[in-house]
Amino acid sequence: MSYAQTIIEKFGGIRATAAALGRAPSTVRGWKVRGTIPDAEKPVVLDAALRRGLPLSRDDFWPAQTPEEATR
């Protein structure tokens, strides 16, 4: 599961995430399908998560890469 999928699930799914962010569900669905959240959106998503008391931190949005992933 990608980090984006994990974050979206912690919000309660695509529609719940979209509602929390004021974004269209299709936007959040795209993040889930691609497995990534645009860098410009990450602080917005993290702020919304923290306001809701969700167990997320900055590290959840920028997962550590293994040396093999970093060289791809």
N, C-alpha and C. Protein backbone atom coordinates (compact mmCIF):
# COMPACT_ATOMS: atom_id res chain seq x y z
N MET A 1 0.86 -1.17 0.00
CA MET A 1 0.00 0.00 0.00
C MET A 1 0.91 1.24 0.00
N SER A 2 0.58 2.22 -0.82
CA SER A 2 1.38 3.44 -0.89
C SER A 2 1.10 4.33 0.32
N TYR A 3 1.99 5.29 0.54
CA TYR A 3 1.78 6.22 1.65
C TYR A 3 0.50 7.02 1.44
N ALA A 4 0.18 7.37 0.19
CA ALA A 4 -1.04 8.13 -0.09
C ALA A 4 -2.27 7.31 0.27
N GLN A 5 -2.27 6.05 -0.09
CA GLN A 5 -3.40 5.18 0.25
C GLN A 5 -3.57 5.07 1.76
N THR A 6 -2.47 4.94 2.47
CA THR A 6 -2.52 4.83 3.93
C THR A 6 -3.13 6.10 4.54
N ILE A 7 -2.68 7.25 4.06
CA ILE A 7 -3.19 8.52 4.58
C ILE A 7 -4.67 8.67 4.29
N ILE A 8 -5.08 8.37 3.08
CA ILE A 8 -6.49 8.49 2.68
C ILE A 8 -7.35 7.55 3.53
N GLU A 9 -6.87 6.36 3.79
CA GLU A 9 -7.63 5.43 4.63
C GLU A 9 -7.76 5.94 6.06
N LYS A 10 -6.73 6.61 6.57
CA LYS A 10 -6.82 7.16 7.94
C LYS A 10 -7.87 8.24 8.04
N PHE A 11 -8.13 8.95 6.95
CA PHE A 11 -9.21 9.94 6.93
C PHE A 11 -10.58 9.28 6.85
N GLY A 12 -10.61 8.02 6.39
CA GLY A 12 -11.88 7.32 6.26
C GLY A 12 -12.28 7.07 4.83
N GLY A 13 -11.35 7.24 3.90
CA GLY A 13 -11.62 6.96 2.50
C GLY A 13 -11.55 8.21 1.64
N ILE A 14 -11.83 8.02 0.37
CA ILE A 14 -11.71 9.10 -0.62
C ILE A 14 -12.67 10.23 -0.32
N ARG A 15 -13.93 9.92 -0.13
CA ARG A 15 -14.93 10.99 0.09
C ARG A 15 -14.67 11.76 1.39
N ALA A 16 -14.31 11.06 2.43
CA ALA A 16 -14.03 11.72 3.70
C ALA A 16 -12.80 12.62 3.59
N THR A 17 -11.79 12.15 2.89
CA THR A 17 -10.59 12.97 2.69
C THR A 17 -10.92 14.20 1.88
N ALA A 18 -11.65 14.01 0.80
CA ALA A 18 -12.04 15.14 -0.06
C ALA A 18 -12.84 16.17 0.73
N ALA A 19 -13.78 15.72 1.53
CA ALA A 19 -14.59 16.64 2.33
C ALA A 19 -13.73 17.40 3.34
N ALA A 20 -12.80 16.72 3.96
CA ALA A 20 -11.93 17.36 4.95
C ALA A 20 -11.05 18.43 4.33
N LEU A 21 -10.72 18.24 3.04
CA LEU A 21 -9.81 19.16 2.36
C LEU A 21 -10.52 20.18 1.48
N GLY A 22 -11.80 19.98 1.27
CA GLY A 22 -12.52 20.86 0.35
C GLY A 22 -12.10 20.62 -1.09
N ARG A 23 -11.76 19.39 -1.40
CA ARG A 23 -11.33 19.01 -2.76
C ARG A 23 -12.37 18.06 -3.35
N ALA A 24 -12.34 17.94 -4.65
CA ALA A 24 -13.24 17.00 -5.33
C ALA A 24 -12.77 15.57 -5.04
N PRO A 25 -13.72 14.65 -4.87
CA PRO A 25 -13.33 13.25 -4.69
C PRO A 25 -12.45 12.73 -5.83
N SER A 26 -12.67 13.23 -7.04
CA SER A 26 -11.85 12.76 -8.17
C SER A 26 -10.38 13.15 -7.98
N THR A 27 -10.13 14.28 -7.33
CA THR A 27 -8.76 14.70 -7.06
C THR A 27 -8.09 13.72 -6.10
N VAL A 28 -8.78 13.42 -5.03
CA VAL A 28 -8.23 12.50 -4.03
C VAL A 28 -8.10 11.10 -4.61
N ARG A 29 -9.06 10.70 -5.43
CA ARG A 29 -8.98 9.39 -6.09
C ARG A 29 -7.72 9.30 -6.94
N GLY A 30 -7.40 10.39 -7.64
CA GLY A 30 -6.18 10.42 -8.45
C GLY A 30 -4.93 10.23 -7.61
N TRP A 31 -4.90 10.86 -6.43
CA TRP A 31 -3.77 10.67 -5.53
C TRP A 31 -3.65 9.20 -5.13
N LYS A 32 -4.80 8.61 -4.82
CA LYS A 32 -4.79 7.21 -4.38
C LYS A 32 -4.32 6.29 -5.50
N VAL A 33 -4.81 6.52 -6.70
CA VAL A 33 -4.43 5.68 -7.84
C VAL A 33 -2.94 5.82 -8.14
N ARG A 34 -2.44 7.07 -8.12
CA ARG A 34 -1.02 7.31 -8.40
C ARG A 34 -0.13 6.92 -7.24
N GLY A 35 -0.71 6.84 -6.05
CA GLY A 35 0.07 6.46 -4.88
C GLY A 35 0.90 7.60 -4.32
N THR A 36 0.56 8.83 -4.69
CA THR A 36 1.32 9.98 -4.22
C THR A 36 0.43 11.20 -4.08
N ILE A 37 0.78 12.07 -3.17
CA ILE A 37 0.08 13.32 -2.95
C ILE A 37 1.03 14.42 -3.42
N PRO A 38 0.56 15.36 -4.23
CA PRO A 38 1.46 16.43 -4.70
C PRO A 38 2.10 17.16 -3.52
N ASP A 39 3.36 17.51 -3.66
CA ASP A 39 4.10 18.17 -2.58
C ASP A 39 3.38 19.42 -2.08
N ALA A 40 2.78 20.19 -2.97
CA ALA A 40 2.08 21.41 -2.58
C ALA A 40 0.87 21.12 -1.70
N GLU A 41 0.30 19.93 -1.81
CA GLU A 41 -0.89 19.55 -1.04
C GLU A 41 -0.55 18.90 0.30
N LYS A 42 0.64 18.40 0.45
CA LYS A 42 0.99 17.66 1.66
C LYS A 42 0.80 18.47 2.94
N PRO A 43 1.25 19.75 3.01
CA PRO A 43 1.02 20.51 4.24
C PRO A 43 -0.46 20.72 4.54
N VAL A 44 -1.27 20.87 3.50
CA VAL A 44 -2.72 21.06 3.67
C VAL A 44 -3.34 19.79 4.26
N VAL A 45 -2.94 18.65 3.71
CA VAL A 45 -3.47 17.37 4.18
C VAL A 45 -3.01 17.11 5.61
N LEU A 46 -1.74 17.36 5.90
CA LEU A 46 -1.23 17.16 7.26
C LEU A 46 -1.96 18.05 8.25
N ASP A 47 -2.16 19.31 7.90
CA ASP A 47 -2.88 20.23 8.79
C ASP A 47 -4.30 19.72 9.07
N ALA A 48 -4.99 19.28 8.03
CA ALA A 48 -6.36 18.76 8.21
C ALA A 48 -6.34 17.51 9.09
N ALA A 49 -5.34 16.67 8.91
CA ALA A 49 -5.24 15.45 9.73
C ALA A 49 -5.01 15.81 11.20
N LEU A 50 -4.12 16.75 11.45
CA LEU A 50 -3.83 17.13 12.82
C LEU A 50 -5.03 17.78 13.49
N ARG A 51 -5.78 18.59 12.75
CA ARG A 51 -7.00 19.20 13.30
C ARG A 51 -8.03 18.15 13.69
N ARG A 52 -8.01 17.02 13.01
CA ARG A 52 -8.96 15.94 13.29
C ARG A 52 -8.40 14.92 14.27
N GLY A 53 -7.20 15.13 14.72
CA GLY A 53 -6.60 14.20 15.69
C GLY A 53 -6.16 12.89 15.07
N LEU A 54 -5.92 12.87 13.78
CA LEU A 54 -5.49 11.64 13.13
C LEU A 54 -4.01 11.39 13.42
N PRO A 55 -3.64 10.13 13.57
CA PRO A 55 -2.25 9.81 13.92
C PRO A 55 -1.33 9.89 12.70
N LEU A 56 -1.06 11.11 12.25
CA LEU A 56 -0.17 11.32 11.10
C LEU A 56 0.90 12.34 11.48
N SER A 57 2.05 12.21 10.85
CA SER A 57 3.13 13.17 11.04
C SER A 57 3.78 13.45 9.69
N ARG A 58 4.69 14.39 9.68
CA ARG A 58 5.40 14.73 8.45
C ARG A 58 6.05 13.49 7.82
N ASP A 59 6.56 12.60 8.65
CA ASP A 59 7.23 11.40 8.16
C ASP A 59 6.31 10.50 7.34
N ASP A 60 5.01 10.58 7.58
CA ASP A 60 4.05 9.77 6.82
C ASP A 60 3.94 10.26 5.37
N PHE A 61 4.29 11.51 5.13
CA PHE A 61 4.15 12.11 3.80
C PHE A 61 5.42 12.02 2.98
N TRP A 62 6.54 11.91 3.66
CA TRP A 62 7.83 11.78 2.98
C TRP A 62 8.53 10.54 3.52
N PRO A 63 8.03 9.36 3.11
CA PRO A 63 8.59 8.12 3.64
C PRO A 63 10.07 7.98 3.27
N ALA A 64 10.82 7.42 4.18
CA ALA A 64 12.24 7.18 3.94
C ALA A 64 12.40 6.21 2.77
N GLN A 65 13.38 6.49 1.95
CA GLN A 65 13.65 5.61 0.83
C GLN A 65 14.79 4.66 1.18
N THR A 66 14.71 3.47 0.63
CA THR A 66 15.83 2.56 0.76
C THR A 66 16.89 3.01 -0.24
N PRO A 67 18.13 2.61 -0.06
CA PRO A 67 19.17 3.01 -1.03
C PRO A 67 18.83 2.59 -2.46
N GLU A 68 18.17 1.45 -2.61
CA GLU A 68 17.80 0.97 -3.96
C GLU A 68 16.76 1.89 -4.60
N GLU A 69 15.79 2.36 -3.81
CA GLU A 69 14.75 3.26 -4.33
C GLU A 69 15.34 4.62 -4.70
N ALA A 70 16.29 5.08 -3.94
CA ALA A 70 16.88 6.39 -4.19
C ALA A 70 17.67 6.45 -5.49
N THR A 71 18.15 5.29 -5.95
CA THR A 71 18.95 5.26 -7.17
C THR A 71 18.13 5.00 -8.41
N ARG A 72 16.85 4.79 -8.28
CA ARG A 72 15.99 4.52 -9.45
C ARG A 72 15.74 5.77 -10.24
